[in-house]
Amino acid sequence: MTDSSFLLTLDAGTGSGRAVLFDRDGRQVAVVQHEWSPREQPDIPGSQVFDTDQAWAIFTQAIRAVIARAGIRPAQVAGVTATSMREGFVLYDRAGAERWACFNGDARAAQVVTELQARGLGEGMYRRGGDWFGMAAAPRLLWIKAHEPELYARAARLTMLGDWVLWRLSGEYATDQSLGSSSALFDLEARTWCEETIVEFDLPRDIYPPVLESGTVLGRVTAAAAAETGLAEGTPVVISGADTQLALAGVGAVTPGAYTIVGGSFWQTTLVTARPLIDPEIRLRTLCHVLPGQWMTEGIGFLHGFATRWLRDGFGRWEREQAAARGVDAYVVLEELASTVPPGAHGLVPIFSDLMNARRWKQAAPSFLQIDILSPQTCGLKEFFRALEENAAYVAYGHSQRLAALGGQEARQLTFCGGSSKGFLWPQIVADVLGRPIHVPVVKEATALGAAMCVAVGLGQFADVTAAAQQWVSVERTCQPDAQAHAAYRPYYERWRRLYPRLLALVDEGLLAPLWSAPGA
């Protein structure tokens, strides 16, 4: 690597596709992001289609734009990698064409899951692979087998979404342990595809890609990919991994015992361990870390980022105009307003995401309770926005408690990264609700930084990701919990926990539609 070399990371997230450029010292140079959303196929309830052509067009535009924004030449990009949301995958035919792809929240296989559960299947997969049916690949594949048998018969290859981006760049198929294990078709102990699970569900046995360590050079940018993206032909393409696990690397959570909250479209509250930690109550899930010999257990908060985006776009026109006039993000204005609201949002109760329950993962209908229509000065947009941020913090708190009980160690401090950590208010709310110091790293796009670490390893700059993290990770600020605010939040949290099941019961009765419901829930 030379002084003029740069590292490019691509991220197929749940809410957007982005390209992030770093220099050789791990400093973020430029970022280009385009929002997207899952598309439901009209005749298939619960489906979330991932449009590979649209996504690739977004990435090609983002790559050209990020290079232009940084003012560099394509030849100065020393290496490129890609990460993605977990669970979503792509099927290819024998000619190598993409034939089917889904987002992580695709829930079309509800009936399949019901049938599998009736047959007593699932617990073996969970014990070996750390995840239940909610976002697993097996029921989705069996749904395709039942409803699109010709496609199923022609399927010759399966990759996860991040692997698909690497294939587009290099023409090579592979996965790493962190992204591959999100399929729930892995043996966590062996850190590779689980033959027992594949046979148990009667799935194809020869469609799964090789499993490579994060930081391995997979191939090089092809002539076709170079023409589409503007990258130089022959640029090394490096395996990195799954978005959450890379975020852990990107904040230095590379040793067992580290607690982290990764906040984006989804929030993951995680604990790094030296062995696979399986929840006996089948609530949390466990996957491979990007580092050899390490795993992570997590609780997932559902669609926190989308909830704040909805409020911004649906109700925050004045705030968006003010932000544009000031040259700041609309979320800055919304947080400024919400910061004037006391803990508990004047009694407003947010019913959005719930604690994770992998065996029966269902979210109540999105709601605000205790709206006071006679007091608009204390029950308006600023209270709604604060309540959404508090809802996410409640979920993170509940997950941290479950992780502490499962792992036998309390979180003394946590690192908070991702897009949600960029504001000044949300990290403080998290600190106050959890009653723990919250470290916010300099680089908030921790997933991209972790991916860049893998590129640097692949190019020989570092021996491993741990060495890269020691050099590149630094803390921007620490939010200390306010004891008074923490005490105020305790009854609000307990009330929220008591109210949520009652709203969920209305969904079970068919009176309301859920925010999201896992197949079979």
Protein backbone atom coordinates (compact mmCIF):
# COMPACT_ATOMS: atom_id res chain seq x y z
CA MET A 1 0.00 0.00 0.00
CA THR A 2 1.20 3.50 -0.80
CA ASP A 3 0.45 6.81 0.88
CA SER A 4 -2.11 7.52 -1.82
CA SER A 5 -4.08 4.28 -1.42
CA PHE A 6 -7.66 4.11 -0.17
CA LEU A 7 -10.00 1.36 1.04
CA LEU A 8 -13.55 1.14 -0.31
CA THR A 9 -16.41 -0.55 1.54
CA LEU A 10 -19.92 -1.19 0.23
CA ASP A 11 -22.87 -1.90 2.53
CA ALA A 12 -26.23 -3.37 1.53
CA GLY A 13 -28.14 -2.29 4.61
CA THR A 14 -31.79 -2.73 5.43
CA GLY A 15 -32.56 0.93 4.80
CA SER A 16 -29.92 1.97 2.29
CA GLY A 17 -26.98 1.12 0.09
CA ARG A 18 -23.79 3.04 0.80
CA ALA A 19 -20.21 3.39 -0.30
CA VAL A 20 -17.65 4.56 2.27
CA LEU A 21 -14.03 5.42 1.49
CA PHE A 22 -11.23 5.28 4.08
CA ASP A 23 -7.58 6.21 3.94
CA ARG A 24 -4.84 3.84 5.06
CA ASP A 25 -5.02 5.19 8.61
CA GLY A 26 -8.68 4.29 9.01
CA ARG A 27 -9.97 7.85 8.58
CA GLN A 28 -13.29 8.18 6.79
CA VAL A 29 -12.72 10.23 3.63
CA ALA A 30 -16.10 10.23 1.92
CA VAL A 31 -19.49 8.52 2.04
CA VAL A 32 -22.36 8.29 -0.43
CA GLN A 33 -25.67 6.77 0.62
CA HIS A 34 -28.98 6.13 -1.12
CA GLU A 35 -32.04 5.06 0.87
CA TRP A 36 -34.12 2.10 -0.22
CA SER A 37 -36.95 0.06 1.26
CA PRO A 38 -38.13 -3.54 0.95
CA ARG A 39 -40.83 -4.13 -1.66
CA GLU A 40 -43.68 -6.55 -0.99
CA GLN A 41 -44.74 -8.70 -3.91
CA PRO A 42 -48.49 -7.96 -4.14
CA ASP A 43 -49.65 -11.57 -4.32
CA ILE A 44 -47.31 -12.84 -1.58
CA PRO A 45 -48.13 -11.54 1.92
CA GLY A 46 -45.11 -10.92 4.09
CA SER A 47 -42.64 -10.97 1.22
CA GLN A 48 -39.73 -8.52 1.09
CA VAL A 49 -38.15 -8.61 -2.35
CA PHE A 50 -34.53 -7.52 -2.80
CA ASP A 51 -34.22 -6.09 -6.31
CA THR A 52 -30.68 -6.99 -7.36
CA ASP A 53 -30.74 -4.86 -10.51
CA GLN A 54 -31.88 -1.78 -8.59
CA ALA A 55 -29.38 -2.41 -5.80
CA TRP A 56 -26.49 -2.88 -8.22
CA ALA A 57 -27.42 0.34 -10.02
CA ILE A 58 -27.35 2.16 -6.66
CA PHE A 59 -23.94 0.70 -5.86
CA THR A 60 -22.43 1.57 -9.23
CA GLN A 61 -23.64 5.15 -8.84
CA ALA A 62 -22.43 5.32 -5.24
CA ILE A 63 -18.96 4.01 -6.15
CA ARG A 64 -18.47 6.59 -8.88
CA ALA A 65 -19.85 9.33 -6.63
CA VAL A 66 -17.70 8.51 -3.60
CA ILE A 67 -14.54 8.45 -5.73
CA ALA A 68 -15.48 11.80 -7.25
CA ARG A 69 -16.36 13.29 -3.85
CA ALA A 70 -12.98 12.25 -2.46
CA GLY A 71 -11.19 13.71 -5.48
CA ILE A 72 -9.12 10.61 -6.15
CA ARG A 73 -8.38 8.42 -9.15
CA PRO A 74 -9.90 4.91 -9.36
CA ALA A 75 -6.41 3.43 -9.37
CA GLN A 76 -5.88 4.87 -5.90
CA VAL A 77 -8.46 2.44 -4.47
CA ALA A 78 -6.19 -0.29 -3.13
CA GLY A 79 -8.96 -2.74 -2.29
CA VAL A 80 -12.71 -3.11 -2.01
CA THR A 81 -15.08 -5.20 0.08
CA ALA A 82 -18.80 -5.51 0.75
CA THR A 83 -20.96 -6.20 3.77
CA SER A 84 -24.71 -6.43 4.19
CA MET A 85 -27.65 -7.00 6.46
CA ARG A 86 -27.72 -10.56 7.68
CA GLU A 87 -30.20 -13.31 6.67
CA GLY A 88 -31.15 -12.00 3.22
CA PHE A 89 -29.87 -14.18 0.39
CA VAL A 90 -29.68 -14.62 -3.38
CA LEU A 91 -30.28 -17.71 -5.51
CA TYR A 92 -28.53 -18.14 -8.87
CA ASP A 93 -29.14 -20.50 -11.77
CA ARG A 94 -26.46 -22.62 -13.44
CA ALA A 95 -25.59 -19.78 -15.80
CA GLY A 96 -24.82 -17.53 -12.83
CA ALA A 97 -27.87 -15.28 -13.20
CA GLU A 98 -29.66 -14.04 -10.08
CA ARG A 99 -33.13 -15.62 -9.95
CA TRP A 100 -34.45 -14.80 -6.45
CA ALA A 101 -33.42 -12.53 -3.59
CA CYS A 102 -34.96 -11.33 -0.34
CA PHE A 103 -34.42 -8.82 2.43
CA ASN A 104 -33.79 -10.04 5.96
CA GLY A 105 -37.38 -9.37 7.08
CA ASP A 106 -39.00 -11.54 4.41
CA ALA A 107 -41.82 -13.42 6.18
CA ARG A 108 -43.57 -15.21 3.34
CA ALA A 109 -42.86 -18.68 4.76
CA ALA A 110 -45.36 -18.48 7.64
CA GLN A 111 -47.24 -21.65 6.70
CA VAL A 112 -44.01 -23.54 6.12
CA VAL A 113 -42.79 -22.61 9.61
CA THR A 114 -46.09 -23.72 11.14
CA GLU A 115 -45.72 -27.11 9.46
CA LEU A 116 -42.08 -27.45 10.51
CA GLN A 117 -42.94 -26.63 14.11
CA ALA A 118 -45.77 -29.18 14.03
CA ARG A 119 -43.18 -31.78 13.02
CA GLY A 120 -41.04 -30.84 16.01
CA LEU A 121 -38.27 -29.32 13.93
CA GLY A 122 -36.34 -26.21 14.86
CA GLU A 123 -34.74 -26.90 18.22
CA GLY A 124 -31.86 -28.84 16.68
CA MET A 125 -31.22 -26.03 14.21
CA TYR A 126 -31.29 -23.50 17.06
CA ARG A 127 -28.95 -25.56 19.23
CA ARG A 128 -26.46 -26.03 16.39
CA GLY A 129 -26.92 -22.76 14.52
CA GLY A 130 -28.09 -20.28 17.15
CA ASP A 131 -31.25 -19.00 15.43
CA TRP A 132 -34.94 -19.90 15.19
CA PHE A 133 -37.13 -19.77 12.09
CA GLY A 134 -37.87 -16.02 12.04
CA MET A 135 -35.24 -15.01 9.51
CA ALA A 136 -33.66 -18.37 8.74
CA ALA A 137 -32.98 -19.63 5.22
CA ALA A 138 -34.50 -23.12 5.58
CA PRO A 139 -38.21 -22.16 5.59
CA ARG A 140 -37.70 -19.66 2.77
CA LEU A 141 -36.03 -22.33 0.65
CA LEU A 142 -38.84 -24.77 1.40
CA TRP A 143 -41.40 -22.07 0.47
CA ILE A 144 -39.66 -21.71 -2.91
CA LYS A 145 -39.67 -25.50 -3.30
CA ALA A 146 -43.45 -25.57 -2.72
CA HIS A 147 -44.47 -22.44 -4.65
CA GLU A 148 -41.78 -22.03 -7.32
CA PRO A 149 -40.57 -25.59 -7.95
CA GLU A 150 -38.99 -24.81 -11.32
CA LEU A 151 -36.88 -22.06 -9.79
CA TYR A 152 -35.96 -24.35 -6.90
CA ALA A 153 -34.89 -27.11 -9.28
CA ARG A 154 -32.71 -24.71 -11.27
CA ALA A 155 -31.02 -23.15 -8.23
CA ALA A 156 -27.31 -23.84 -8.47
CA ARG A 157 -25.86 -21.41 -5.96
CA LEU A 158 -26.85 -19.53 -2.80
CA THR A 159 -25.06 -16.54 -1.31
CA MET A 160 -25.87 -13.97 1.33
CA LEU A 161 -26.44 -10.39 0.13
CA GLY A 162 -22.95 -9.10 0.94
CA ASP A 163 -21.48 -12.10 -0.85
CA TRP A 164 -23.63 -11.19 -3.87
CA VAL A 165 -21.99 -7.75 -4.07
CA LEU A 166 -18.55 -9.39 -3.98
CA TRP A 167 -19.66 -11.77 -6.74
CA ARG A 168 -20.80 -8.80 -8.85
CA LEU A 169 -17.36 -7.26 -8.40
CA SER A 170 -15.15 -10.31 -8.83
CA GLY A 171 -17.20 -13.14 -10.31
CA GLU A 172 -16.23 -15.31 -7.33
CA TYR A 173 -18.61 -17.04 -4.87
CA ALA A 174 -17.77 -17.27 -1.16
CA THR A 175 -18.98 -16.28 2.28
CA ASP A 176 -17.38 -15.74 5.67
CA GLN A 177 -18.42 -17.21 9.03
CA SER A 178 -20.24 -14.13 10.32
CA LEU A 179 -22.49 -13.61 7.29
CA GLY A 180 -22.90 -17.28 6.45
CA SER A 181 -23.97 -18.15 9.99
CA SER A 182 -26.90 -15.71 9.75
CA SER A 183 -28.59 -18.23 7.45
CA ALA A 184 -29.01 -20.57 10.48
CA LEU A 185 -27.61 -23.32 8.22
CA PHE A 186 -24.27 -23.24 10.07
CA ASP A 187 -22.74 -25.35 12.78
CA LEU A 188 -21.53 -22.63 15.13
CA GLU A 189 -18.91 -24.84 16.78
CA ALA A 190 -17.42 -25.87 13.43
CA ARG A 191 -18.00 -22.38 11.90
CA THR A 192 -19.14 -23.81 8.57
CA TRP A 193 -22.23 -25.19 6.81
CA CYS A 194 -24.06 -27.74 8.93
CA GLU A 195 -24.65 -30.98 7.09
CA GLU A 196 -27.01 -32.19 9.82
CA THR A 197 -29.33 -29.18 9.47
CA ILE A 198 -29.28 -29.32 5.68
CA VAL A 199 -30.22 -33.00 5.72
CA GLU A 200 -32.83 -32.53 8.47
CA PHE A 201 -34.72 -30.01 6.35
CA ASP A 202 -34.11 -31.90 3.08
CA LEU A 203 -32.40 -28.93 1.43
CA PRO A 204 -30.04 -28.97 -1.57
CA ARG A 205 -26.57 -30.07 -0.52
CA ASP A 206 -24.35 -28.54 -3.19
CA ILE A 207 -25.42 -24.90 -3.53
CA TYR A 208 -23.52 -23.33 -0.62
CA PRO A 209 -20.38 -21.29 -1.26
CA PRO A 210 -16.94 -21.90 0.25
CA VAL A 211 -16.40 -20.38 3.69
CA LEU A 212 -13.36 -18.10 3.94
CA GLU A 213 -11.92 -16.13 6.84
CA SER A 214 -12.66 -12.42 6.95
CA GLY A 215 -9.71 -10.53 5.46
CA THR A 216 -9.08 -13.08 2.70
CA VAL A 217 -8.55 -11.81 -0.85
CA LEU A 218 -11.39 -13.39 -2.82
CA GLY A 219 -10.48 -12.15 -6.30
CA ARG A 220 -10.13 -8.98 -8.35
CA VAL A 221 -12.48 -6.51 -9.97
CA THR A 222 -13.41 -7.88 -13.39
CA ALA A 223 -13.38 -5.89 -16.62
CA ALA A 224 -17.18 -5.86 -16.67
CA ALA A 225 -17.42 -4.62 -13.07
CA ALA A 226 -14.77 -2.00 -13.74
CA ALA A 227 -16.75 -0.65 -16.68
CA GLU A 228 -19.90 -0.42 -14.57
CA THR A 229 -18.43 0.99 -11.36
CA GLY A 230 -15.47 3.06 -12.53
CA LEU A 231 -13.09 1.03 -10.36
CA ALA A 232 -9.80 -0.05 -11.85
CA GLU A 233 -9.81 -3.54 -13.32
CA GLY A 234 -7.78 -5.89 -11.12
CA THR A 235 -8.47 -4.07 -7.84
CA PRO A 236 -8.34 -6.68 -5.03
CA VAL A 237 -11.73 -7.79 -3.70
CA VAL A 238 -11.60 -8.89 -0.06
CA ILE A 239 -14.02 -10.94 2.08
CA SER A 240 -15.26 -9.02 5.14
CA GLY A 241 -18.50 -10.17 6.78
CA ALA A 242 -21.88 -9.32 8.30
CA ASP A 243 -22.83 -5.76 9.18
CA THR A 244 -23.28 -6.15 12.94
CA GLN A 245 -20.18 -8.25 13.54
CA LEU A 246 -18.10 -5.86 11.45
CA ALA A 247 -19.50 -3.00 13.51
CA LEU A 248 -18.21 -4.78 16.61
CA ALA A 249 -14.76 -4.92 15.04
CA GLY A 250 -15.15 -1.28 14.02
CA VAL A 251 -15.59 -0.18 17.65
CA GLY A 252 -12.94 -2.50 19.06
CA ALA A 253 -15.28 -5.16 20.48
CA VAL A 254 -12.75 -7.85 19.64
CA THR A 255 -12.43 -9.58 23.02
CA PRO A 256 -14.96 -11.65 24.99
CA GLY A 257 -17.05 -9.67 27.45
CA ALA A 258 -17.52 -6.59 25.27
CA TYR A 259 -21.04 -5.13 25.15
CA THR A 260 -22.09 -3.06 22.12
CA ILE A 261 -25.25 -1.47 20.75
CA VAL A 262 -25.26 -1.19 16.96
CA GLY A 263 -27.98 1.30 16.05
CA GLY A 264 -29.36 1.59 12.54
CA SER A 265 -32.57 0.45 10.86
CA PHE A 266 -32.46 -2.37 13.41
CA TRP A 267 -30.65 -2.18 16.75
CA GLN A 268 -28.49 -5.04 17.94
CA THR A 269 -27.47 -5.23 21.59
CA THR A 270 -24.59 -7.68 21.65
CA LEU A 271 -22.18 -9.57 23.88
CA VAL A 272 -18.93 -11.06 22.49
CA THR A 273 -18.07 -14.51 23.85
CA ALA A 274 -15.30 -17.11 23.60
CA ARG A 275 -17.80 -19.91 22.90
CA PRO A 276 -21.24 -20.13 21.30
CA LEU A 277 -23.73 -18.98 23.95
CA ILE A 278 -27.15 -20.50 23.24
CA ASP A 279 -30.20 -19.07 25.02
CA PRO A 280 -32.11 -22.02 26.58
CA GLU A 281 -35.35 -20.01 26.35
CA ILE A 282 -34.90 -19.44 22.57
CA ARG A 283 -35.23 -15.66 22.79
CA LEU A 284 -31.83 -14.29 21.69
CA ARG A 285 -29.66 -15.50 18.88
CA THR A 286 -25.98 -16.37 18.46
CA LEU A 287 -23.77 -16.03 15.39
CA CYS A 288 -20.07 -16.27 14.55
CA HIS A 289 -17.97 -13.15 15.04
CA VAL A 290 -15.63 -12.02 12.24
CA LEU A 291 -12.67 -13.01 14.43
CA PRO A 292 -11.65 -16.68 14.62
CA GLY A 293 -12.62 -18.32 17.90
CA GLN A 294 -15.19 -15.70 18.86
CA TRP A 295 -18.97 -15.51 18.74
CA MET A 296 -21.63 -12.93 19.56
CA THR A 297 -25.07 -13.20 21.12
CA GLU A 298 -27.59 -10.48 20.40
CA GLY A 299 -31.05 -9.14 20.98
CA ILE A 300 -32.54 -7.29 18.02
CA GLY A 301 -34.67 -4.16 18.24
CA PHE A 302 -36.96 -3.92 15.25
CA LEU A 303 -37.01 -0.98 12.80
CA HIS A 304 -35.95 1.81 15.18
CA GLY A 305 -34.29 3.65 12.32
CA PHE A 306 -37.34 3.33 10.07
CA ALA A 307 -39.58 4.62 12.88
CA THR A 308 -37.65 7.87 13.23
CA ARG A 309 -37.46 8.20 9.42
CA TRP A 310 -41.25 7.81 9.28
CA LEU A 311 -41.74 10.59 11.82
CA ARG A 312 -39.24 12.82 10.04
CA ASP A 313 -40.82 12.35 6.61
CA GLY A 314 -44.46 12.12 7.65
CA PHE A 315 -44.68 14.92 10.20
CA GLY A 316 -41.46 16.93 10.18
CA ARG A 317 -41.85 19.19 7.16
CA TRP A 318 -41.10 22.38 9.14
CA GLU A 319 -38.12 20.69 10.80
CA ARG A 320 -36.77 19.57 7.42
CA GLU A 321 -37.09 23.11 6.10
CA GLN A 322 -35.32 24.52 9.14
CA ALA A 323 -32.57 21.96 8.80
CA ALA A 324 -32.08 22.79 5.12
CA ALA A 325 -31.86 26.50 5.91
CA ARG A 326 -29.20 25.82 8.58
CA GLY A 327 -27.31 23.24 6.51
CA VAL A 328 -27.79 20.45 9.04
CA ASP A 329 -29.55 17.11 9.08
CA ALA A 330 -33.27 17.15 9.96
CA TYR A 331 -32.56 14.80 12.85
CA VAL A 332 -30.47 17.56 14.47
CA VAL A 333 -33.51 19.83 14.61
CA LEU A 334 -35.76 17.03 15.85
CA GLU A 335 -33.32 16.14 18.64
CA GLU A 336 -33.02 19.78 19.65
CA LEU A 337 -36.78 19.88 20.08
CA ALA A 338 -36.90 16.53 21.88
CA SER A 339 -34.13 17.57 24.27
CA THR A 340 -36.55 20.06 25.86
CA VAL A 341 -38.83 17.18 26.86
CA PRO A 342 -38.22 15.43 30.22
CA PRO A 343 -37.64 11.67 30.56
CA GLY A 344 -40.82 9.76 29.85
CA ALA A 345 -41.97 12.22 27.15
CA HIS A 346 -44.70 13.71 29.37
CA GLY A 347 -46.22 10.26 29.86
CA LEU A 348 -46.38 9.31 26.16
CA VAL A 349 -45.94 5.53 25.76
CA PRO A 350 -44.29 4.26 22.53
CA ILE A 351 -45.45 0.85 21.33
CA PHE A 352 -43.12 0.02 18.46
CA SER A 353 -40.33 -2.55 18.82
CA ASP A 354 -40.43 -5.18 21.57
CA LEU A 355 -37.74 -7.36 23.13
CA MET A 356 -36.65 -10.21 20.91
CA ASN A 357 -38.36 -13.57 21.34
CA ALA A 358 -36.93 -15.76 18.60
CA ARG A 359 -39.41 -18.60 19.12
CA ARG A 360 -42.40 -16.27 18.78
CA TRP A 361 -41.11 -13.02 17.33
CA LYS A 362 -44.01 -10.66 16.78
CA GLN A 363 -44.26 -6.88 17.17
CA ALA A 364 -47.42 -5.06 18.26
CA ALA A 365 -49.19 -2.56 16.03
CA PRO A 366 -47.16 0.70 16.02
CA SER A 367 -48.84 3.04 18.50
CA PHE A 368 -48.44 6.00 20.79
CA LEU A 369 -50.47 5.66 23.99
CA GLN A 370 -51.50 8.33 26.48
CA ILE A 371 -51.83 11.12 23.90
CA ASP A 372 -53.11 14.28 25.57
CA ILE A 373 -55.11 16.15 22.94
CA LEU A 374 -55.86 18.96 25.40
CA SER A 375 -52.17 19.83 25.82
CA PRO A 376 -50.46 20.24 22.44
CA GLN A 377 -47.61 22.10 24.13
CA THR A 378 -46.67 18.91 26.01
CA CYS A 379 -47.88 16.30 23.52
CA GLY A 380 -46.67 16.97 20.01
CA LEU A 381 -43.93 16.15 17.56
CA LYS A 382 -41.11 16.70 20.05
CA GLU A 383 -42.67 14.23 22.50
CA PHE A 384 -43.30 11.70 19.73
CA PHE A 385 -39.66 11.89 18.60
CA ARG A 386 -38.31 11.53 22.13
CA ALA A 387 -40.66 8.63 22.80
CA LEU A 388 -39.32 6.78 19.74
CA GLU A 389 -35.76 7.25 20.97
CA GLU A 390 -36.81 6.07 24.42
CA ASN A 391 -38.50 2.99 22.96
CA ALA A 392 -35.20 1.95 21.36
CA ALA A 393 -33.38 2.51 24.66
CA TYR A 394 -35.96 0.40 26.53
CA VAL A 395 -35.40 -2.46 24.10
CA ALA A 396 -31.61 -2.16 24.44
CA TYR A 397 -31.94 -2.15 28.23
CA GLY A 398 -34.08 -5.28 28.24
CA HIS A 399 -31.67 -7.07 25.92
CA SER A 400 -28.65 -6.07 28.02
CA GLN A 401 -30.36 -7.57 31.07
CA ARG A 402 -31.02 -10.83 29.26
CA LEU A 403 -27.44 -10.98 27.97
CA ALA A 404 -26.07 -10.34 31.44
CA ALA A 405 -28.17 -13.18 32.89
CA LEU A 406 -27.16 -15.55 30.09
CA GLY A 407 -23.48 -14.67 30.05
CA GLY A 408 -23.08 -14.26 33.79
CA GLN A 409 -21.61 -10.78 33.64
CA GLU A 410 -23.16 -7.32 33.85
CA ALA A 411 -22.37 -4.65 31.32
CA ARG A 412 -20.27 -2.06 33.14
CA GLN A 413 -20.13 0.09 30.02
CA LEU A 414 -21.31 -0.19 26.43
CA THR A 415 -20.24 1.19 23.07
CA PHE A 416 -22.96 2.73 20.89
CA CYS A 417 -22.33 3.03 17.15
CA GLY A 418 -24.17 3.23 13.85
CA GLY A 419 -26.32 5.98 12.40
CA SER A 420 -28.40 6.32 15.56
CA SER A 421 -25.30 7.29 17.56
CA LYS A 422 -24.63 10.40 15.48
CA GLY A 423 -26.99 12.63 17.43
CA PHE A 424 -26.32 14.24 20.79
CA LEU A 425 -29.58 13.14 22.44
CA TRP A 426 -30.05 9.46 21.61
CA PRO A 427 -26.76 8.29 23.17
CA GLN A 428 -27.58 10.20 26.35
CA ILE A 429 -31.06 8.66 26.54
CA VAL A 430 -29.46 5.22 26.18
CA ALA A 431 -27.02 6.01 28.99
CA ASP A 432 -29.81 7.27 31.23
CA VAL A 433 -32.12 4.31 30.60
CA LEU A 434 -29.38 1.68 31.02
CA GLY A 435 -27.67 3.51 33.87
CA ARG A 436 -24.29 2.77 32.29
CA PRO A 437 -21.59 4.88 30.57
CA ILE A 438 -22.02 4.88 26.81
CA HIS A 439 -18.95 5.30 24.61
CA VAL A 440 -19.52 6.83 21.17
CA PRO A 441 -16.68 6.17 18.71
CA VAL A 442 -15.16 8.75 16.38
CA VAL A 443 -16.23 6.71 13.35
CA LYS A 444 -19.98 6.15 13.64
CA GLU A 445 -20.11 4.06 10.45
CA ALA A 446 -18.53 1.26 12.45
CA THR A 447 -19.64 -1.45 10.02
CA ALA A 448 -17.79 0.27 7.19
CA LEU A 449 -14.71 0.75 9.38
CA GLY A 450 -14.73 -2.92 10.37
CA ALA A 451 -14.99 -3.84 6.70
CA ALA A 452 -12.09 -1.52 5.88
CA MET A 453 -10.06 -3.32 8.56
CA CYS A 454 -10.65 -6.56 6.68
CA VAL A 455 -9.43 -4.96 3.44
CA ALA A 456 -6.30 -3.72 5.24
CA VAL A 457 -5.70 -7.24 6.57
CA GLY A 458 -6.16 -8.72 3.10
CA LEU A 459 -3.65 -6.25 1.67
CA GLY A 460 -1.09 -7.07 4.35
CA GLN A 461 -1.24 -3.83 6.32
CA PHE A 462 -2.23 -5.66 9.53
CA ALA A 463 -1.77 -9.22 10.72
CA ASP A 464 -5.40 -9.47 11.80
CA VAL A 465 -8.52 -7.45 12.62
CA THR A 466 -7.57 -7.13 16.29
CA ALA A 467 -4.35 -5.37 15.33
CA ALA A 468 -6.28 -3.05 13.02
CA ALA A 469 -8.79 -2.21 15.75
CA GLN A 470 -6.01 -1.34 18.17
CA GLN A 471 -4.66 1.17 15.68
CA TRP A 472 -7.85 2.64 14.26
CA VAL A 473 -10.52 2.75 16.96
CA SER A 474 -10.91 5.80 19.19
CA VAL A 475 -13.70 7.20 21.37
CA GLU A 476 -15.20 10.58 20.52
CA ARG A 477 -17.15 11.07 23.73
CA THR A 478 -18.61 9.22 26.69
CA CYS A 479 -22.16 9.85 27.90
CA GLN A 480 -22.35 9.39 31.64
CA PRO A 481 -25.76 8.35 33.00
CA ASP A 482 -27.70 10.93 34.95
CA ALA A 483 -28.76 9.25 38.20
CA GLN A 484 -31.95 11.27 38.45
CA ALA A 485 -32.95 10.50 34.87
CA HIS A 486 -32.15 6.80 35.35
CA ALA A 487 -34.39 6.66 38.41
CA ALA A 488 -37.16 8.43 36.49
CA TYR A 489 -36.96 5.95 33.64
CA ARG A 490 -37.40 2.81 35.77
CA PRO A 491 -41.19 3.14 36.26
CA TYR A 492 -41.63 4.24 32.65
CA TYR A 493 -39.77 1.11 31.49
CA GLU A 494 -41.80 -1.15 33.75
CA ARG A 495 -45.05 0.40 32.53
CA TRP A 496 -43.96 -0.08 28.91
CA ARG A 497 -43.16 -3.74 29.62
CA ARG A 498 -46.62 -4.28 31.13
CA LEU A 499 -48.49 -2.48 28.37
CA TYR A 500 -46.74 -4.06 25.38
CA PRO A 501 -48.24 -7.58 25.79
CA ARG A 502 -51.73 -6.09 25.99
CA LEU A 503 -51.30 -4.32 22.66
CA LEU A 504 -49.78 -7.48 21.22
CA ALA A 505 -52.90 -9.39 22.30
CA LEU A 506 -54.96 -7.19 19.98
CA VAL A 507 -52.74 -8.32 17.12
CA ASP A 508 -53.23 -11.95 18.15
CA GLU A 509 -56.99 -11.38 18.10
CA GLY A 510 -56.75 -10.10 14.53
CA LEU A 511 -57.98 -6.61 15.45
CA LEU A 512 -54.71 -4.89 14.53
CA ALA A 513 -51.85 -5.58 12.12
CA PRO A 514 -48.37 -6.08 13.61
CA LEU A 515 -45.36 -3.90 12.93
CA TRP A 516 -43.77 -7.20 11.84
CA SER A 517 -44.40 -10.83 12.51
CA ALA A 518 -41.91 -13.63 11.99
CA PRO A 519 -43.09 -16.66 10.02
CA GLY A 520 -45.01 -18.96 12.34
CA ALA A 521 -45.32 -16.40 15.12
